[in-house]
């Protein structure tokens, strides 16, 4: 599963903010293409996507960055 994040205010030392659903839970996508499709449907441009992180969420709850 893939989560999507970006640095807070575009500054990496601030940590990341994640896409959340209406219950403030991290949105998980089956793969990067599904995440990209969803972002594009929401009006996010390819240029904006360049600043996002696509995180591979493994079963242990640890994050591995998957670009």
N, C-alpha and C. Protein backbone atom coordinates (compact mmCIF):
# COMPACT_ATOMS: atom_id res chain seq x y z
N UNK A 1 0.84 -1.18 0.00
CA UNK A 1 0.00 0.00 0.00
C UNK A 1 0.89 1.25 0.00
N UNK A 2 0.38 2.30 -0.62
CA UNK A 2 1.14 3.54 -0.79
C UNK A 2 0.42 4.70 -0.09
N UNK A 3 1.17 5.46 0.70
CA UNK A 3 0.65 6.72 1.24
C UNK A 3 1.36 7.86 0.50
N UNK A 4 0.75 9.04 0.57
CA UNK A 4 1.31 10.21 -0.12
C UNK A 4 1.56 11.29 0.92
N UNK A 5 2.76 11.86 0.89
CA UNK A 5 3.10 12.94 1.82
C UNK A 5 3.91 14.00 1.10
N UNK A 6 4.10 15.11 1.81
CA UNK A 6 4.97 16.17 1.31
C UNK A 6 5.51 16.92 2.51
N UNK A 7 6.66 17.56 2.36
CA UNK A 7 7.20 18.33 3.48
C UNK A 7 6.28 19.50 3.83
N UNK A 8 6.07 19.72 5.12
CA UNK A 8 5.25 20.83 5.59
C UNK A 8 5.86 22.15 5.10
N UNK A 9 5.05 22.97 4.45
CA UNK A 9 5.48 24.25 3.88
C UNK A 9 6.65 24.11 2.90
N UNK A 10 6.82 22.91 2.34
CA UNK A 10 7.87 22.68 1.36
C UNK A 10 9.27 22.61 1.95
N UNK A 11 9.38 22.52 3.27
CA UNK A 11 10.69 22.51 3.94
C UNK A 11 10.87 21.15 4.61
N UNK A 12 11.84 20.38 4.13
CA UNK A 12 11.99 18.99 4.57
C UNK A 12 12.29 18.84 6.06
N UNK A 13 12.93 19.80 6.69
CA UNK A 13 13.23 19.65 8.12
C UNK A 13 11.98 19.79 9.00
N UNK A 14 10.85 20.24 8.40
CA UNK A 14 9.60 20.37 9.15
C UNK A 14 8.86 19.04 9.29
N UNK A 15 9.33 17.99 8.65
CA UNK A 15 8.60 16.73 8.64
C UNK A 15 7.58 16.72 7.52
N UNK A 16 6.81 15.64 7.44
CA UNK A 16 5.85 15.47 6.35
C UNK A 16 4.41 15.59 6.84
N UNK A 17 3.56 16.07 5.92
CA UNK A 17 2.12 16.01 6.12
C UNK A 17 1.58 15.02 5.11
N UNK A 18 0.57 14.25 5.52
CA UNK A 18 0.05 13.16 4.71
C UNK A 18 -1.36 13.46 4.21
N UNK A 19 -1.73 12.84 3.10
CA UNK A 19 -3.11 12.91 2.64
C UNK A 19 -3.97 12.16 3.64
N UNK A 20 -5.05 12.81 4.11
CA UNK A 20 -5.94 12.21 5.10
C UNK A 20 -7.36 12.14 4.55
N UNK A 21 -8.12 11.17 5.04
CA UNK A 21 -9.53 11.08 4.67
C UNK A 21 -10.37 11.91 5.63
N UNK A 22 -11.70 11.81 5.51
CA UNK A 22 -12.60 12.61 6.33
C UNK A 22 -12.54 12.25 7.82
N UNK A 23 -11.94 11.10 8.14
CA UNK A 23 -11.77 10.67 9.54
C UNK A 23 -10.36 10.94 10.06
N UNK A 24 -9.60 11.74 9.32
CA UNK A 24 -8.21 12.06 9.66
C UNK A 24 -7.30 10.83 9.70
N UNK A 25 -7.63 9.84 8.88
CA UNK A 25 -6.80 8.65 8.71
C UNK A 25 -6.00 8.80 7.42
N UNK A 26 -4.78 8.29 7.43
CA UNK A 26 -3.94 8.35 6.23
C UNK A 26 -4.61 7.55 5.11
N UNK A 27 -4.71 8.17 3.93
CA UNK A 27 -5.27 7.48 2.76
C UNK A 27 -4.21 6.54 2.20
N UNK A 28 -4.58 5.28 2.00
CA UNK A 28 -3.68 4.29 1.42
C UNK A 28 -4.19 3.89 0.05
N UNK A 29 -3.28 3.83 -0.90
CA UNK A 29 -3.59 3.45 -2.27
C UNK A 29 -2.92 2.11 -2.57
N UNK A 30 -3.51 1.31 -3.47
CA UNK A 30 -2.91 0.02 -3.78
C UNK A 30 -1.54 0.12 -4.45
N UNK A 31 -1.31 1.20 -5.22
CA UNK A 31 -0.02 1.37 -5.89
C UNK A 31 0.16 2.86 -6.24
N UNK A 32 1.34 3.20 -6.73
CA UNK A 32 1.65 4.59 -7.04
C UNK A 32 0.75 5.13 -8.15
N UNK A 33 0.42 4.32 -9.14
CA UNK A 33 -0.43 4.78 -10.24
C UNK A 33 -1.82 5.17 -9.73
N UNK A 34 -2.36 4.40 -8.81
CA UNK A 34 -3.67 4.73 -8.24
C UNK A 34 -3.60 6.05 -7.48
N UNK A 35 -2.50 6.27 -6.77
CA UNK A 35 -2.31 7.53 -6.04
C UNK A 35 -2.21 8.70 -7.02
N UNK A 36 -1.44 8.52 -8.08
CA UNK A 36 -1.31 9.57 -9.10
C UNK A 36 -2.64 9.88 -9.77
N UNK A 37 -3.39 8.84 -10.10
CA UNK A 37 -4.71 9.04 -10.71
C UNK A 37 -5.61 9.86 -9.79
N UNK A 38 -5.63 9.52 -8.51
CA UNK A 38 -6.46 10.23 -7.54
C UNK A 38 -6.03 11.69 -7.43
N UNK A 39 -4.71 11.92 -7.35
CA UNK A 39 -4.21 13.29 -7.26
C UNK A 39 -4.60 14.10 -8.49
N UNK A 40 -4.45 13.52 -9.67
CA UNK A 40 -4.82 14.22 -10.91
C UNK A 40 -6.31 14.52 -10.94
N UNK A 41 -7.14 13.57 -10.49
CA UNK A 41 -8.58 13.79 -10.44
C UNK A 41 -8.94 14.95 -9.50
N UNK A 42 -8.10 15.17 -8.49
CA UNK A 42 -8.32 16.26 -7.53
C UNK A 42 -7.71 17.58 -8.01
N UNK A 43 -7.13 17.58 -9.21
CA UNK A 43 -6.61 18.81 -9.79
C UNK A 43 -5.15 19.10 -9.51
N UNK A 44 -4.43 18.13 -8.95
CA UNK A 44 -3.00 18.32 -8.70
C UNK A 44 -2.24 18.16 -10.02
N UNK A 45 -1.37 19.10 -10.32
CA UNK A 45 -0.62 19.06 -11.58
C UNK A 45 0.62 18.18 -11.44
N UNK A 46 1.19 17.78 -12.59
CA UNK A 46 2.43 17.00 -12.57
C UNK A 46 3.55 17.78 -11.89
N UNK A 47 3.59 19.08 -12.09
CA UNK A 47 4.62 19.90 -11.45
C UNK A 47 4.49 19.85 -9.93
N UNK A 48 3.27 19.92 -9.43
CA UNK A 48 3.04 19.85 -7.98
C UNK A 48 3.39 18.47 -7.43
N UNK A 49 3.10 17.43 -8.21
CA UNK A 49 3.37 16.05 -7.78
C UNK A 49 4.86 15.83 -7.54
N UNK A 50 5.71 16.56 -8.25
CA UNK A 50 7.16 16.40 -8.08
C UNK A 50 7.60 16.64 -6.64
N UNK A 51 6.86 17.42 -5.86
CA UNK A 51 7.21 17.68 -4.47
C UNK A 51 6.62 16.69 -3.48
N UNK A 52 5.90 15.67 -3.97
CA UNK A 52 5.26 14.70 -3.10
C UNK A 52 6.14 13.47 -2.93
N UNK A 53 5.95 12.78 -1.81
CA UNK A 53 6.61 11.51 -1.55
C UNK A 53 5.57 10.40 -1.63
N UNK A 54 5.93 9.30 -2.27
CA UNK A 54 5.08 8.12 -2.35
C UNK A 54 5.73 7.07 -1.47
N UNK A 55 5.08 6.77 -0.35
CA UNK A 55 5.66 5.94 0.70
C UNK A 55 5.08 4.54 0.67
N UNK A 56 5.96 3.54 0.64
CA UNK A 56 5.53 2.16 0.68
C UNK A 56 5.28 1.78 2.13
N UNK A 57 4.03 1.52 2.47
CA UNK A 57 3.67 1.15 3.84
C UNK A 57 3.68 -0.37 3.95
N UNK A 58 4.68 -0.90 4.65
CA UNK A 58 4.74 -2.36 4.79
C UNK A 58 3.86 -2.82 5.95
N UNK A 59 3.73 -4.12 6.11
CA UNK A 59 2.85 -4.68 7.13
C UNK A 59 3.29 -4.39 8.55
N UNK A 60 4.55 -3.98 8.77
CA UNK A 60 5.03 -3.64 10.11
C UNK A 60 4.72 -2.21 10.50
N UNK A 61 4.11 -1.45 9.58
CA UNK A 61 3.80 -0.07 9.86
C UNK A 61 4.96 0.87 9.65
N UNK A 62 6.10 0.34 9.21
CA UNK A 62 7.26 1.18 8.92
C UNK A 62 7.15 1.67 7.49
N UNK A 63 7.73 2.86 7.24
CA UNK A 63 7.66 3.44 5.93
C UNK A 63 8.97 3.24 5.18
N UNK A 64 8.84 2.86 3.93
CA UNK A 64 9.97 2.81 3.00
C UNK A 64 9.59 3.69 1.84
N UNK A 65 10.47 4.59 1.43
CA UNK A 65 10.14 5.48 0.35
C UNK A 65 10.25 4.76 -0.98
N UNK A 66 9.18 4.84 -1.76
CA UNK A 66 9.12 4.17 -3.06
C UNK A 66 8.81 5.21 -4.12
N UNK A 67 9.78 5.55 -4.92
CA UNK A 67 9.55 6.51 -6.01
C UNK A 67 9.49 5.76 -7.25
